[in-house]
Amino acid sequence: MSDQYASGQNGPPKEPYARARRAMPRGGSNALLSFETLAERMEVPKRTVLDNYRAWDIPVVRISDRILRVRERDFEAWIDARTE
């Protein structure tokens, strides 16, 4: 088996995810936000977000049967669409 780094000239990449980070669309990250975080950012009680996320059409990601999250970039796009 050949070792691609044996010569020492071509070491492992210093930042393996740099290209993926640059390719990410503008306006937020793929970080998953909890409803508590959404409530803090919106400055409303968590219960308000839980009761209204469907009516407000906030795009959610289902992690399991009981756990929902919202992508940060989707949340920012949702906010931008309602504040313009």
PDB file of N, CA and C in Angstrom:
ATOM      1  N   MET A   1       0.842  -1.165   0.000  1.00  0.00           N
ATOM      2  CA  MET A   1       0.000   0.000   0.000  1.00  0.00           C
ATOM      3  C   MET A   1       0.893   1.236   0.000  1.00  0.00           C
ATOM      4  N   SER A   2       0.657   2.154  -0.905  1.00  0.00           N
ATOM      5  CA  SER A   2       1.491   3.355  -0.980  1.00  0.00           C
ATOM      6  C   SER A   2       0.958   4.423  -0.035  1.00  0.00           C
ATOM      7  N   ASP A   3       1.888   5.151   0.525  1.00  0.00           N
ATOM      8  CA  ASP A   3       1.509   6.227   1.439  1.00  0.00           C
ATOM      9  C   ASP A   3       1.634   7.555   0.694  1.00  0.00           C
ATOM     10  N   GLN A   4       0.520   8.222   0.468  1.00  0.00           N
ATOM     11  CA  GLN A   4       0.546   9.449  -0.322  1.00  0.00           C
ATOM     12  C   GLN A   4       1.259  10.594   0.383  1.00  0.00           C
ATOM     13  N   TYR A   5       1.446  10.494   1.685  1.00  0.00           N
ATOM     14  CA  TYR A   5       2.104  11.567   2.436  1.00  0.00           C
ATOM     15  C   TYR A   5       3.541  11.198   2.820  1.00  0.00           C
ATOM     16  N   ALA A   6       4.052  10.087   2.276  1.00  0.00           N
ATOM     17  CA  ALA A   6       5.368   9.602   2.675  1.00  0.00           C
ATOM     18  C   ALA A   6       6.484  10.585   2.331  1.00  0.00           C
ATOM     19  N   SER A   7       6.369  11.294   1.216  1.00  0.00           N
ATOM     20  CA  SER A   7       7.429  12.210   0.808  1.00  0.00           C
ATOM     21  C   SER A   7       7.477  13.459   1.683  1.00  0.00           C
ATOM     22  N   GLY A   8       6.404  13.749   2.379  1.00  0.00           N
ATOM     23  CA  GLY A   8       6.369  14.933   3.230  1.00  0.00           C
ATOM     24  C   GLY A   8       6.032  16.202   2.471  1.00  0.00           C
ATOM     25  N   GLN A   9       5.994  16.153   1.143  1.00  0.00           N
ATOM     26  CA  GLN A   9       5.693  17.347   0.355  1.00  0.00           C
ATOM     27  C   GLN A   9       4.211  17.640   0.311  1.00  0.00           C
ATOM     28  N   ASN A  10       3.411  16.629   0.213  1.00  0.00           N
ATOM     29  CA  ASN A  10       1.963  16.801   0.115  1.00  0.00           C
ATOM     30  C   ASN A  10       1.309  16.318   1.399  1.00  0.00           C
ATOM     31  N   GLY A  11       1.361  17.096   2.420  1.00  0.00           N
ATOM     32  CA  GLY A  11       0.768  16.722   3.696  1.00  0.00           C
ATOM     33  C   GLY A  11      -0.743  16.758   3.622  1.00  0.00           C
ATOM     34  N   PRO A  12      -1.393  16.316   4.678  1.00  0.00           N
ATOM     35  CA  PRO A  12      -2.849  16.337   4.689  1.00  0.00           C
ATOM     36  C   PRO A  12      -3.345  17.771   4.585  1.00  0.00           C
ATOM     37  N   PRO A  13      -4.526  17.976   4.052  1.00  0.00           N
ATOM     38  CA  PRO A  13      -5.049  19.333   3.927  1.00  0.00           C
ATOM     39  C   PRO A  13      -5.169  19.996   5.298  1.00  0.00           C
ATOM     40  N   LYS A  14      -4.818  21.264   5.346  1.00  0.00           N
ATOM     41  CA  LYS A  14      -4.866  21.981   6.624  1.00  0.00           C
ATOM     42  C   LYS A  14      -6.293  22.221   7.082  1.00  0.00           C
ATOM     43  N   GLU A  15      -7.183  22.478   6.153  1.00  0.00           N
ATOM     44  CA  GLU A  15      -8.569  22.733   6.496  1.00  0.00           C
ATOM     45  C   GLU A  15      -9.454  21.898   5.562  1.00  0.00           C
ATOM     46  N   PRO A  16      -9.790  20.662   5.946  1.00  0.00           N
ATOM     47  CA  PRO A  16     -10.471  19.749   5.028  1.00  0.00           C
ATOM     48  C   PRO A  16     -11.850  20.220   4.586  1.00  0.00           C
ATOM     49  N   TYR A  17     -12.524  21.063   5.361  1.00  0.00           N
ATOM     50  CA  TYR A  17     -13.878  21.482   5.008  1.00  0.00           C
ATOM     51  C   TYR A  17     -13.928  22.899   4.448  1.00  0.00           C
ATOM     52  N   ALA A  18     -12.792  23.461   4.105  1.00  0.00           N
ATOM     53  CA  ALA A  18     -12.758  24.841   3.622  1.00  0.00           C
ATOM     54  C   ALA A  18     -13.577  24.999   2.346  1.00  0.00           C
ATOM     55  N   ARG A  19     -13.458  24.052   1.423  1.00  0.00           N
ATOM     56  CA  ARG A  19     -14.203  24.174   0.175  1.00  0.00           C
ATOM     57  C   ARG A  19     -15.704  24.087   0.431  1.00  0.00           C
ATOM     58  N   ALA A  20     -16.134  23.187   1.285  1.00  0.00           N
ATOM     59  CA  ALA A  20     -17.556  23.063   1.601  1.00  0.00           C
ATOM     60  C   ALA A  20     -18.068  24.320   2.278  1.00  0.00           C
ATOM     61  N   ARG A  21     -17.246  24.919   3.130  1.00  0.00           N
ATOM     62  CA  ARG A  21     -17.658  26.135   3.817  1.00  0.00           C
ATOM     63  C   ARG A  21     -17.827  27.280   2.817  1.00  0.00           C
ATOM     64  N   ARG A  22     -16.939  27.358   1.819  1.00  0.00           N
ATOM     65  CA  ARG A  22     -17.052  28.408   0.812  1.00  0.00           C
ATOM     66  C   ARG A  22     -18.248  28.190  -0.091  1.00  0.00           C
ATOM     67  N   ALA A  23     -18.623  26.935  -0.329  1.00  0.00           N
ATOM     68  CA  ALA A  23     -19.718  26.630  -1.233  1.00  0.00           C
ATOM     69  C   ALA A  23     -21.084  26.815  -0.574  1.00  0.00           C
ATOM     70  N   MET A  24     -21.120  27.026   0.720  1.00  0.00           N
ATOM     71  CA  MET A  24     -22.369  27.172   1.440  1.00  0.00           C
ATOM     72  C   MET A  24     -23.099  28.434   0.989  1.00  0.00           C
ATOM     73  N   PRO A  25     -24.382  28.343   0.759  1.00  0.00           N
ATOM     74  CA  PRO A  25     -25.135  29.516   0.348  1.00  0.00           C
ATOM     75  C   PRO A  25     -25.065  30.617   1.389  1.00  0.00           C
ATOM     76  N   ARG A  26     -25.189  31.831   0.931  1.00  0.00           N
ATOM     77  CA  ARG A  26     -25.164  32.965   1.854  1.00  0.00           C
ATOM     78  C   ARG A  26     -26.448  32.996   2.660  1.00  0.00           C
ATOM     79  N   GLY A  27     -26.395  33.670   3.796  1.00  0.00           N
ATOM     80  CA  GLY A  27     -27.603  33.842   4.589  1.00  0.00           C
ATOM     81  C   GLY A  27     -27.765  32.830   5.686  1.00  0.00           C
ATOM     82  N   GLY A  28     -26.705  32.360   6.270  1.00  0.00           N
ATOM     83  CA  GLY A  28     -26.827  31.446   7.390  1.00  0.00           C
ATOM     84  C   GLY A  28     -26.105  30.142   7.137  1.00  0.00           C
ATOM     85  N   SER A  29     -26.188  29.292   8.116  1.00  0.00           N
ATOM     86  CA  SER A  29     -25.495  28.017   8.019  1.00  0.00           C
ATOM     87  C   SER A  29     -26.506  26.891   8.056  1.00  0.00           C
ATOM     88  N   ASN A  30     -25.988  25.698   7.983  1.00  0.00           N
ATOM     89  CA  ASN A  30     -26.827  24.513   8.099  1.00  0.00           C
ATOM     90  C   ASN A  30     -27.021  24.110   9.551  1.00  0.00           C
ATOM     91  N   ALA A  31     -26.576  24.930  10.477  1.00  0.00           N
ATOM     92  CA  ALA A  31     -26.740  24.617  11.896  1.00  0.00           C
ATOM     93  C   ALA A  31     -28.220  24.426  12.197  1.00  0.00           C
ATOM     94  N   LEU A  32     -28.509  23.444  13.030  1.00  0.00           N
ATOM     95  CA  LEU A  32     -29.894  23.178  13.408  1.00  0.00           C
ATOM     96  C   LEU A  32     -30.212  23.896  14.708  1.00  0.00           C
ATOM     97  N   LEU A  33     -31.242  24.708  14.679  1.00  0.00           N
ATOM     98  CA  LEU A  33     -31.629  25.506  15.838  1.00  0.00           C
ATOM     99  C   LEU A  33     -32.821  24.877  16.545  1.00  0.00           C
ATOM    100  N   SER A  34     -32.802  24.932  17.857  1.00  0.00           N
ATOM    101  CA  SER A  34     -33.929  24.433  18.646  1.00  0.00           C
ATOM    102  C   SER A  34     -35.018  25.504  18.696  1.00  0.00           C
ATOM    103  N   PHE A  35     -36.185  25.109  19.139  1.00  0.00           N
ATOM    104  CA  PHE A  35     -37.277  26.070  19.271  1.00  0.00           C
ATOM    105  C   PHE A  35     -36.965  27.091  20.359  1.00  0.00           C
ATOM    106  N   GLU A  36     -36.196  26.689  21.342  1.00  0.00           N
ATOM    107  CA  GLU A  36     -35.779  27.624  22.385  1.00  0.00           C
ATOM    108  C   GLU A  36     -34.902  28.729  21.794  1.00  0.00           C
ATOM    109  N   THR A  37     -34.000  28.355  20.911  1.00  0.00           N
ATOM    110  CA  THR A  37     -33.133  29.335  20.255  1.00  0.00           C
ATOM    111  C   THR A  37     -33.954  30.264  19.370  1.00  0.00           C
ATOM    112  N   LEU A  38     -34.922  29.698  18.645  1.00  0.00           N
ATOM    113  CA  LEU A  38     -35.793  30.535  17.815  1.00  0.00           C
ATOM    114  C   LEU A  38     -36.534  31.553  18.670  1.00  0.00           C
ATOM    115  N   ALA A  39     -37.045  31.098  19.797  1.00  0.00           N
ATOM    116  CA  ALA A  39     -37.780  31.994  20.687  1.00  0.00           C
ATOM    117  C   ALA A  39     -36.889  33.122  21.196  1.00  0.00           C
ATOM    118  N   GLU A  40     -35.652  32.795  21.549  1.00  0.00           N
ATOM    119  CA  GLU A  40     -34.723  33.828  22.011  1.00  0.00           C
ATOM    120  C   GLU A  40     -34.453  34.846  20.917  1.00  0.00           C
ATOM    121  N   ARG A  41     -34.241  34.366  19.690  1.00  0.00           N
ATOM    122  CA  ARG A  41     -33.952  35.279  18.582  1.00  0.00           C
ATOM    123  C   ARG A  41     -35.152  36.140  18.215  1.00  0.00           C
ATOM    124  N   MET A  42     -36.359  35.580  18.381  1.00  0.00           N
ATOM    125  CA  MET A  42     -37.573  36.328  18.059  1.00  0.00           C
ATOM    126  C   MET A  42     -38.063  37.155  19.241  1.00  0.00           C
ATOM    127  N   GLU A  43     -37.461  36.940  20.392  1.00  0.00           N
ATOM    128  CA  GLU A  43     -37.835  37.625  21.632  1.00  0.00           C
ATOM    129  C   GLU A  43     -39.303  37.389  21.989  1.00  0.00           C
ATOM    130  N   VAL A  44     -39.694  36.109  21.908  1.00  0.00           N
ATOM    131  CA  VAL A  44     -41.023  35.673  22.320  1.00  0.00           C
ATOM    132  C   VAL A  44     -40.847  34.434  23.195  1.00  0.00           C
ATOM    133  N   PRO A  45     -41.865  34.069  23.965  1.00  0.00           N
ATOM    134  CA  PRO A  45     -41.766  32.841  24.766  1.00  0.00           C
ATOM    135  C   PRO A  45     -41.679  31.599  23.879  1.00  0.00           C
ATOM    136  N   LYS A  46     -40.990  30.586  24.371  1.00  0.00           N
ATOM    137  CA  LYS A  46     -40.848  29.321  23.636  1.00  0.00           C
ATOM    138  C   LYS A  46     -42.220  28.724  23.329  1.00  0.00           C
ATOM    139  N   ARG A  47     -43.147  28.828  24.260  1.00  0.00           N
ATOM    140  CA  ARG A  47     -44.491  28.279  24.068  1.00  0.00           C
ATOM    141  C   ARG A  47     -45.172  28.907  22.847  1.00  0.00           C
ATOM    142  N   THR A  48     -44.931  30.186  22.604  1.00  0.00           N
ATOM    143  CA  THR A  48     -45.513  30.865  21.444  1.00  0.00           C
ATOM    144  C   THR A  48     -45.009  30.248  20.147  1.00  0.00           C
ATOM    145  N   VAL A  49     -43.712  29.968  20.083  1.00  0.00           N
ATOM    146  CA  VAL A  49     -43.137  29.336  18.889  1.00  0.00           C
ATOM    147  C   VAL A  49     -43.698  27.929  18.714  1.00  0.00           C
ATOM    148  N   LEU A  50     -43.751  27.156  19.795  1.00  0.00           N
ATOM    149  CA  LEU A  50     -44.279  25.787  19.724  1.00  0.00           C
ATOM    150  C   LEU A  50     -45.731  25.766  19.264  1.00  0.00           C
ATOM    151  N   ASP A  51     -46.520  26.721  19.736  1.00  0.00           N
ATOM    152  CA  ASP A  51     -47.934  26.759  19.371  1.00  0.00           C
ATOM    153  C   ASP A  51     -48.180  27.246  17.950  1.00  0.00           C
ATOM    154  N   ASN A  52     -47.258  28.031  17.392  1.00  0.00           N
ATOM    155  CA  ASN A  52     -47.532  28.703  16.128  1.00  0.00           C
ATOM    156  C   ASN A  52     -46.626  28.348  14.958  1.00  0.00           C
ATOM    157  N   TYR A  53     -45.626  27.486  15.141  1.00  0.00           N
ATOM    158  CA  TYR A  53     -44.677  27.258  14.048  1.00  0.00           C
ATOM    159  C   TYR A  53     -45.352  26.723  12.789  1.00  0.00           C
ATOM    160  N   ARG A  54     -46.397  25.926  12.930  1.00  0.00           N
ATOM    161  CA  ARG A  54     -47.103  25.412  11.747  1.00  0.00           C
ATOM    162  C   ARG A  54     -47.865  26.535  11.041  1.00  0.00           C
ATOM    163  N   ALA A  55     -48.580  27.330  11.791  1.00  0.00           N
ATOM    164  CA  ALA A  55     -49.346  28.436  11.209  1.00  0.00           C
ATOM    165  C   ALA A  55     -48.423  29.463  10.561  1.00  0.00           C
ATOM    166  N   TRP A  56     -47.245  29.642  11.126  1.00  0.00           N
ATOM    167  CA  TRP A  56     -46.277  30.601  10.585  1.00  0.00           C
ATOM    168  C   TRP A  56     -45.479  30.014   9.424  1.00  0.00           C
ATOM    169  N   ASP A  57     -45.647  28.739   9.128  1.00  0.00           N
ATOM    170  CA  ASP A  57     -44.931  28.046   8.049  1.00  0.00           C
ATOM    171  C   ASP A  57     -43.412  28.103   8.219  1.00  0.00           C
ATOM    172  N   ILE A  58     -42.947  27.915   9.436  1.00  0.00           N
ATOM    173  CA  ILE A  58     -41.510  27.823   9.674  1.00  0.00           C
ATOM    174  C   ILE A  58     -41.060  26.445   9.201  1.00  0.00           C
ATOM    175  N   PRO A  59     -40.078  26.381   8.275  1.00  0.00           N
ATOM    176  CA  PRO A  59     -39.633  25.072   7.766  1.00  0.00           C
ATOM    177  C   PRO A  59     -38.834  24.309   8.820  1.00  0.00           C
ATOM    178  N   VAL A  60     -39.309  23.123   9.184  1.00  0.00           N
ATOM    179  CA  VAL A  60     -38.657  22.337  10.231  1.00  0.00           C
ATOM    180  C   VAL A  60     -38.003  21.096   9.655  1.00  0.00           C
ATOM    181  N   VAL A  61     -37.039  20.566  10.394  1.00  0.00           N
ATOM    182  CA  VAL A  61     -36.379  19.305  10.088  1.00  0.00           C
ATOM    183  C   VAL A  61     -36.712  18.356  11.231  1.00  0.00           C
ATOM    184  N   ARG A  62     -37.299  17.206  10.896  1.00  0.00           N
ATOM    185  CA  ARG A  62     -37.655  16.238  11.936  1.00  0.00           C
ATOM    186  C   ARG A  62     -36.454  15.349  12.211  1.00  0.00           C
ATOM    187  N   ILE A  63     -35.937  15.423  13.431  1.00  0.00           N
ATOM    188  CA  ILE A  63     -34.796  14.613  13.846  1.00  0.00           C
ATOM    189  C   ILE A  63     -35.279  13.241  14.305  1.00  0.00           C
ATOM    190  N   SER A  64     -36.362  13.221  15.040  1.00  0.00           N
ATOM    191  CA  SER A  64     -36.988  11.973  15.483  1.00  0.00           C
ATOM    192  C   SER A  64     -38.479  12.252  15.646  1.00  0.00           C
ATOM    193  N   ASP A  65     -39.201  11.310  16.237  1.00  0.00           N
ATOM    194  CA  ASP A  65     -40.646  11.499  16.403  1.00  0.00           C
ATOM    195  C   ASP A  65     -40.974  12.731  17.245  1.00  0.00           C
ATOM    196  N   ARG A  66     -40.108  13.040  18.199  1.00  0.00           N
ATOM    197  CA  ARG A  66     -40.407  14.132  19.127  1.00  0.00           C
ATOM    198  C   ARG A  66     -39.497  15.348  18.995  1.00  0.00           C
ATOM    199  N   ILE A  67     -38.469  15.249  18.177  1.00  0.00           N
ATOM    200  CA  ILE A  67     -37.494  16.338  18.103  1.00  0.00           C
ATOM    201  C   ILE A  67     -37.561  17.024  16.743  1.00  0.00           C
ATOM    202  N   LEU A  68     -37.814  18.324  16.761  1.00  0.00           N
ATOM    203  CA  LEU A  68     -37.832  19.143  15.556  1.00  0.00           C
ATOM    204  C   LEU A  68     -36.761  20.205  15.677  1.00  0.00           C
ATOM    205  N   ARG A  69     -36.142  20.538  14.563  1.00  0.00           N
ATOM    206  CA  ARG A  69     -35.149  21.605  14.527  1.00  0.00           C
ATOM    207  C   ARG A  69     -35.391  22.428  13.274  1.00  0.00           C
ATOM    208  N   VAL A  70     -34.778  23.606  13.216  1.00  0.00           N
ATOM    209  CA  VAL A  70     -34.899  24.495  12.064  1.00  0.00           C
ATOM    210  C   VAL A  70     -33.494  24.859  11.610  1.00  0.00           C
ATOM    211  N   ARG A  71     -33.216  24.715  10.307  1.00  0.00           N
ATOM    212  CA  ARG A  71     -31.916  25.141   9.787  1.00  0.00           C
ATOM    213  C   ARG A  71     -31.794  26.644   9.929  1.00  0.00           C
ATOM    214  N   GLU A  72     -30.612  27.076  10.343  1.00  0.00           N
ATOM    215  CA  GLU A  72     -30.390  28.498  10.566  1.00  0.00           C
ATOM    216  C   GLU A  72     -30.654  29.306   9.299  1.00  0.00           C
ATOM    217  N   ARG A  73     -30.182  28.840   8.164  1.00  0.00           N
ATOM    218  CA  ARG A  73     -30.392  29.609   6.931  1.00  0.00           C
ATOM    219  C   ARG A  73     -31.863  29.657   6.541  1.00  0.00           C
ATOM    220  N   ASP A  74     -32.629  28.581   6.815  1.00  0.00           N
ATOM    221  CA  ASP A  74     -34.065  28.596   6.533  1.00  0.00           C
ATOM    222  C   ASP A  74     -34.783  29.583   7.446  1.00  0.00           C
ATOM    223  N   PHE A  75     -34.360  29.623   8.709  1.00  0.00           N
ATOM    224  CA  PHE A  75     -34.964  30.553   9.654  1.00  0.00           C
ATOM    225  C   PHE A  75     -34.672  31.996   9.243  1.00  0.00           C
ATOM    226  N   GLU A  76     -33.426  32.285   8.854  1.00  0.00           N
ATOM    227  CA  GLU A  76     -33.079  33.640   8.434  1.00  0.00           C
ATOM    228  C   GLU A  76     -33.847  34.033   7.180  1.00  0.00           C
ATOM    229  N   ALA A  77     -34.014  33.103   6.245  1.00  0.00           N
ATOM    230  CA  ALA A  77     -34.797  33.389   5.045  1.00  0.00           C
ATOM    231  C   ALA A  77     -36.259  33.645   5.399  1.00  0.00           C
ATOM    232  N   TRP A  78     -36.776  32.877   6.346  1.00  0.00           N
ATOM    233  CA  TRP A  78     -38.160  33.038   6.801  1.00  0.00           C
ATOM    234  C   TRP A  78     -38.332  34.421   7.435  1.00  0.00           C
ATOM    235  N   ILE A  79     -37.400  34.821   8.269  1.00  0.00           N
ATOM    236  CA  ILE A  79     -37.450  36.152   8.911  1.00  0.00           C
ATOM    237  C   ILE A  79     -37.365  37.245   7.848  1.00  0.00           C
ATOM    238  N   ASP A  80     -36.410  37.108   6.920  1.00  0.00           N
ATOM    239  CA  ASP A  80     -36.223  38.128   5.875  1.00  0.00           C
ATOM    240  C   ASP A  80     -37.479  38.295   5.037  1.00  0.00           C
ATOM    241  N   ALA A  81     -38.159  37.204   4.725  1.00  0.00           N
ATOM    242  CA  ALA A  81     -39.374  37.267   3.909  1.00  0.00           C
ATOM    243  C   ALA A  81     -40.506  38.011   4.621  1.00  0.00           C
ATOM    244  N   ARG A  82     -40.468  38.024   5.941  1.00  0.00           N
ATOM    245  CA  ARG A  82     -41.529  38.671   6.711  1.00  0.00           C
ATOM    246  C   ARG A  82     -41.185  40.067   7.182  1.00  0.00           C
ATOM    247  N   THR A  83     -39.959  40.478   6.980  1.00  0.00           N
ATOM    248  CA  THR A  83     -39.558  41.803   7.452  1.00  0.00           C
ATOM    249  C   THR A  83     -39.278  42.778   6.312  1.00  0.00           C
ATOM    250  N   GLU A  84     -39.420  42.328   5.080  1.00  0.00           N
ATOM    251  CA  GLU A  84     -39.164  43.224   3.944  1.00  0.00           C
ATOM    252  C   GLU A  84     -40.356  44.052   3.599  1.00  0.00           C
TER     253      GLU A  84
END
